[in-house]
Amino acid sequence: MTLRVTWIDRRAHPKVKPNPAYPHGIDIDVSGGAKECCYTPLPCPARRIGFYFVECDACGQNALITTAGRPDDPRSIKMGCRK
């Protein structure tokens, strides 16, 4: 299984300061405790405000994750398999 990541650029720059508690980004876990999971790193920080569209090529599971173009952006995602 492979997660495909597409970044959707909203062409805006951040206006709010990053959360100092996450200077190296955050890890997103939407697996719900599933036994079978996929994991992929994400480019962090993102270039600007936008979204990561993440989709599994095996089961079709997908997620949309917001970015702010700051150091506290998502740096990885773990998704459970829908099979």
N, C-alpha and C. Protein backbone atom coordinates (compact mmCIF):
# COMPACT_ATOMS: atom_id res chain seq x y z
N MET A 1 0.84 -1.18 0.00
CA MET A 1 0.00 0.00 0.00
C MET A 1 0.88 1.24 0.00
N THR A 2 0.46 2.20 -0.76
CA THR A 2 1.20 3.45 -0.87
C THR A 2 0.25 4.62 -0.70
N LEU A 3 0.65 5.58 0.09
CA LEU A 3 -0.13 6.80 0.23
C LEU A 3 0.40 7.83 -0.76
N ARG A 4 -0.52 8.36 -1.56
CA ARG A 4 -0.17 9.44 -2.49
C ARG A 4 -0.53 10.76 -1.82
N VAL A 5 0.37 11.72 -1.91
CA VAL A 5 0.15 13.03 -1.29
C VAL A 5 0.16 14.10 -2.37
N THR A 6 -0.90 14.89 -2.40
CA THR A 6 -1.01 16.02 -3.32
C THR A 6 -1.23 17.27 -2.49
N TRP A 7 -0.41 18.28 -2.72
CA TRP A 7 -0.58 19.53 -1.99
C TRP A 7 -1.40 20.50 -2.82
N ILE A 8 -2.41 21.09 -2.20
CA ILE A 8 -3.29 22.06 -2.86
C ILE A 8 -2.96 23.44 -2.28
N ASP A 9 -2.43 24.30 -3.10
CA ASP A 9 -1.96 25.62 -2.69
C ASP A 9 -3.11 26.61 -2.65
N ARG A 10 -3.32 27.26 -1.50
CA ARG A 10 -4.34 28.31 -1.39
C ARG A 10 -3.75 29.69 -1.68
N ARG A 11 -2.45 29.72 -1.97
CA ARG A 11 -1.75 30.95 -2.37
C ARG A 11 -1.88 32.08 -1.34
N ALA A 12 -1.78 31.71 -0.07
CA ALA A 12 -1.82 32.69 1.01
C ALA A 12 -0.69 32.37 1.98
N HIS A 13 -0.24 33.38 2.67
CA HIS A 13 0.85 33.22 3.64
C HIS A 13 0.29 33.33 5.05
N PRO A 14 0.93 32.67 6.02
CA PRO A 14 0.41 32.68 7.39
C PRO A 14 0.40 34.07 8.00
N LYS A 15 -0.63 34.33 8.80
CA LYS A 15 -0.74 35.61 9.50
C LYS A 15 -0.62 35.42 11.01
N VAL A 16 -0.65 34.16 11.45
CA VAL A 16 -0.60 33.83 12.87
C VAL A 16 0.73 33.15 13.16
N LYS A 17 1.29 33.41 14.32
CA LYS A 17 2.56 32.79 14.71
C LYS A 17 2.35 31.29 14.96
N PRO A 18 3.39 30.48 14.71
CA PRO A 18 3.27 29.04 14.96
C PRO A 18 3.17 28.72 16.45
N ASN A 19 2.60 27.57 16.75
CA ASN A 19 2.51 27.10 18.12
C ASN A 19 3.90 26.67 18.57
N PRO A 20 4.47 27.30 19.59
CA PRO A 20 5.82 26.97 20.02
C PRO A 20 5.95 25.57 20.61
N ALA A 21 4.83 24.93 20.93
CA ALA A 21 4.88 23.56 21.47
C ALA A 21 5.24 22.54 20.40
N TYR A 22 5.16 22.93 19.12
CA TYR A 22 5.43 22.01 18.00
C TYR A 22 6.43 22.62 17.02
N PRO A 23 7.66 22.84 17.44
CA PRO A 23 8.63 23.51 16.56
C PRO A 23 9.07 22.66 15.37
N HIS A 24 8.80 21.35 15.41
CA HIS A 24 9.20 20.45 14.33
C HIS A 24 8.00 19.78 13.67
N GLY A 25 6.82 20.36 13.80
CA GLY A 25 5.62 19.81 13.18
C GLY A 25 4.88 18.84 14.08
N ILE A 26 3.74 18.36 13.57
CA ILE A 26 2.92 17.42 14.33
C ILE A 26 2.68 16.16 13.49
N ASP A 27 2.49 15.06 14.19
CA ASP A 27 2.17 13.80 13.54
C ASP A 27 0.66 13.59 13.62
N ILE A 28 0.05 13.31 12.49
CA ILE A 28 -1.39 13.10 12.41
C ILE A 28 -1.66 11.60 12.41
N ASP A 29 -2.54 11.14 13.30
CA ASP A 29 -2.92 9.73 13.36
C ASP A 29 -4.44 9.64 13.23
N VAL A 30 -4.90 9.22 12.06
CA VAL A 30 -6.33 9.01 11.81
C VAL A 30 -6.60 7.53 11.59
N SER A 31 -5.78 6.68 12.20
CA SER A 31 -5.90 5.24 12.01
C SER A 31 -7.03 4.63 12.83
N GLY A 32 -7.43 5.32 13.89
CA GLY A 32 -8.49 4.78 14.74
C GLY A 32 -8.12 3.46 15.39
N GLY A 33 -6.82 3.19 15.53
CA GLY A 33 -6.37 1.95 16.14
C GLY A 33 -6.44 0.74 15.23
N ALA A 34 -6.59 0.96 13.93
CA ALA A 34 -6.67 -0.15 12.97
C ALA A 34 -5.40 -0.99 12.99
N LYS A 35 -5.55 -2.30 12.75
CA LYS A 35 -4.39 -3.20 12.71
C LYS A 35 -3.52 -2.92 11.50
N GLU A 36 -4.14 -2.72 10.34
CA GLU A 36 -3.39 -2.43 9.12
C GLU A 36 -3.42 -0.93 8.87
N CYS A 37 -2.24 -0.36 8.75
CA CYS A 37 -2.12 1.09 8.57
C CYS A 37 -1.07 1.42 7.52
N CYS A 38 -1.20 2.61 6.99
CA CYS A 38 -0.17 3.18 6.12
C CYS A 38 0.34 4.45 6.80
N TYR A 39 1.60 4.75 6.55
CA TYR A 39 2.25 5.92 7.14
C TYR A 39 3.08 6.58 6.06
N THR A 40 3.09 7.90 6.06
CA THR A 40 3.99 8.62 5.16
C THR A 40 4.39 9.95 5.78
N PRO A 41 5.64 10.35 5.59
CA PRO A 41 6.03 11.70 6.02
C PRO A 41 5.42 12.73 5.08
N LEU A 42 5.27 13.94 5.57
CA LEU A 42 4.76 15.05 4.77
C LEU A 42 5.80 16.16 4.77
N PRO A 43 5.91 16.90 3.67
CA PRO A 43 6.84 18.03 3.66
C PRO A 43 6.43 19.06 4.72
N CYS A 44 7.32 19.37 5.62
CA CYS A 44 7.00 20.27 6.71
C CYS A 44 8.15 21.24 6.92
N PRO A 45 7.90 22.53 6.95
CA PRO A 45 6.58 23.12 6.77
C PRO A 45 6.17 23.16 5.29
N ALA A 46 4.87 23.28 5.08
CA ALA A 46 4.37 23.44 3.71
C ALA A 46 4.79 24.81 3.18
N ARG A 47 4.70 24.98 1.89
CA ARG A 47 5.14 26.24 1.28
C ARG A 47 4.31 27.45 1.72
N ARG A 48 3.01 27.22 1.85
CA ARG A 48 2.07 28.29 2.22
C ARG A 48 0.84 27.65 2.85
N ILE A 49 -0.20 28.44 3.02
CA ILE A 49 -1.49 27.92 3.46
C ILE A 49 -2.05 27.04 2.35
N GLY A 50 -2.57 25.90 2.73
CA GLY A 50 -3.14 24.98 1.75
C GLY A 50 -3.62 23.71 2.41
N PHE A 51 -3.64 22.64 1.60
CA PHE A 51 -4.12 21.34 2.07
C PHE A 51 -3.24 20.24 1.50
N TYR A 52 -3.10 19.16 2.27
CA TYR A 52 -2.56 17.92 1.73
C TYR A 52 -3.75 16.99 1.50
N PHE A 53 -3.91 16.50 0.28
CA PHE A 53 -4.88 15.45 -0.01
C PHE A 53 -4.08 14.16 -0.02
N VAL A 54 -4.41 13.26 0.90
CA VAL A 54 -3.68 12.00 1.06
C VAL A 54 -4.63 10.87 0.73
N GLU A 55 -4.20 9.96 -0.17
CA GLU A 55 -5.07 8.86 -0.59
C GLU A 55 -4.27 7.56 -0.71
N CYS A 56 -4.85 6.48 -0.21
CA CYS A 56 -4.24 5.16 -0.32
C CYS A 56 -4.58 4.56 -1.68
N ASP A 57 -3.57 4.10 -2.41
CA ASP A 57 -3.82 3.53 -3.74
C ASP A 57 -4.41 2.12 -3.66
N ALA A 58 -4.39 1.49 -2.49
CA ALA A 58 -4.91 0.13 -2.36
C ALA A 58 -6.39 0.09 -1.94
N CYS A 59 -6.76 0.89 -0.94
CA CYS A 59 -8.12 0.80 -0.42
C CYS A 59 -8.97 2.04 -0.67
N GLY A 60 -8.36 3.14 -1.11
CA GLY A 60 -9.10 4.35 -1.41
C GLY A 60 -9.33 5.26 -0.21
N GLN A 61 -8.89 4.86 0.96
CA GLN A 61 -9.01 5.72 2.14
C GLN A 61 -8.32 7.05 1.85
N ASN A 62 -8.94 8.17 2.28
CA ASN A 62 -8.31 9.46 2.00
C ASN A 62 -8.54 10.42 3.16
N ALA A 63 -7.75 11.47 3.16
CA ALA A 63 -7.85 12.51 4.18
C ALA A 63 -7.42 13.84 3.57
N LEU A 64 -7.97 14.91 4.09
CA LEU A 64 -7.59 16.26 3.70
C LEU A 64 -7.06 16.94 4.96
N ILE A 65 -5.81 17.41 4.90
CA ILE A 65 -5.13 17.98 6.06
C ILE A 65 -4.72 19.40 5.74
N THR A 66 -5.07 20.32 6.61
CA THR A 66 -4.74 21.72 6.37
C THR A 66 -3.28 22.01 6.70
N THR A 67 -2.72 22.99 6.00
CA THR A 67 -1.37 23.47 6.26
C THR A 67 -1.42 24.99 6.41
N ALA A 68 -0.43 25.51 7.10
CA ALA A 68 -0.39 26.96 7.31
C ALA A 68 0.94 27.57 6.87
N GLY A 69 1.84 26.74 6.36
CA GLY A 69 3.14 27.26 5.96
C GLY A 69 3.98 27.68 7.15
N ARG A 70 3.83 26.94 8.26
CA ARG A 70 4.55 27.27 9.50
C ARG A 70 5.24 26.01 10.03
N PRO A 71 6.19 26.16 10.96
CA PRO A 71 6.89 25.00 11.53
C PRO A 71 5.97 24.02 12.25
N ASP A 72 4.78 24.44 12.68
CA ASP A 72 3.87 23.54 13.38
C ASP A 72 2.89 22.82 12.44
N ASP A 73 3.18 22.81 11.15
CA ASP A 73 2.37 22.07 10.17
C ASP A 73 2.49 20.56 10.41
N PRO A 74 1.55 19.78 9.86
CA PRO A 74 1.67 18.31 9.93
C PRO A 74 2.95 17.84 9.25
N ARG A 75 3.65 16.88 9.90
CA ARG A 75 4.88 16.35 9.33
C ARG A 75 4.75 14.89 8.91
N SER A 76 3.65 14.22 9.33
CA SER A 76 3.41 12.84 8.92
C SER A 76 1.94 12.51 9.11
N ILE A 77 1.52 11.43 8.45
CA ILE A 77 0.15 10.94 8.63
C ILE A 77 0.15 9.42 8.70
N LYS A 78 -0.68 8.89 9.58
CA LYS A 78 -0.89 7.44 9.71
C LYS A 78 -2.39 7.21 9.51
N MET A 79 -2.72 6.35 8.52
CA MET A 79 -4.12 6.09 8.18
C MET A 79 -4.40 4.60 8.26
N GLY A 80 -5.58 4.25 8.76
CA GLY A 80 -6.01 2.86 8.81
C GLY A 80 -6.54 2.41 7.45
N CYS A 81 -6.40 1.12 7.18
CA CYS A 81 -6.87 0.55 5.91
C CYS A 81 -8.37 0.29 5.98
N ARG A 82 -9.09 0.54 4.89
CA ARG A 82 -10.54 0.31 4.82
C ARG A 82 -10.88 -1.09 4.36
N LYS A 83 -9.90 -1.91 4.03
CA LYS A 83 -10.22 -3.26 3.55
C LYS A 83 -10.80 -4.11 4.65
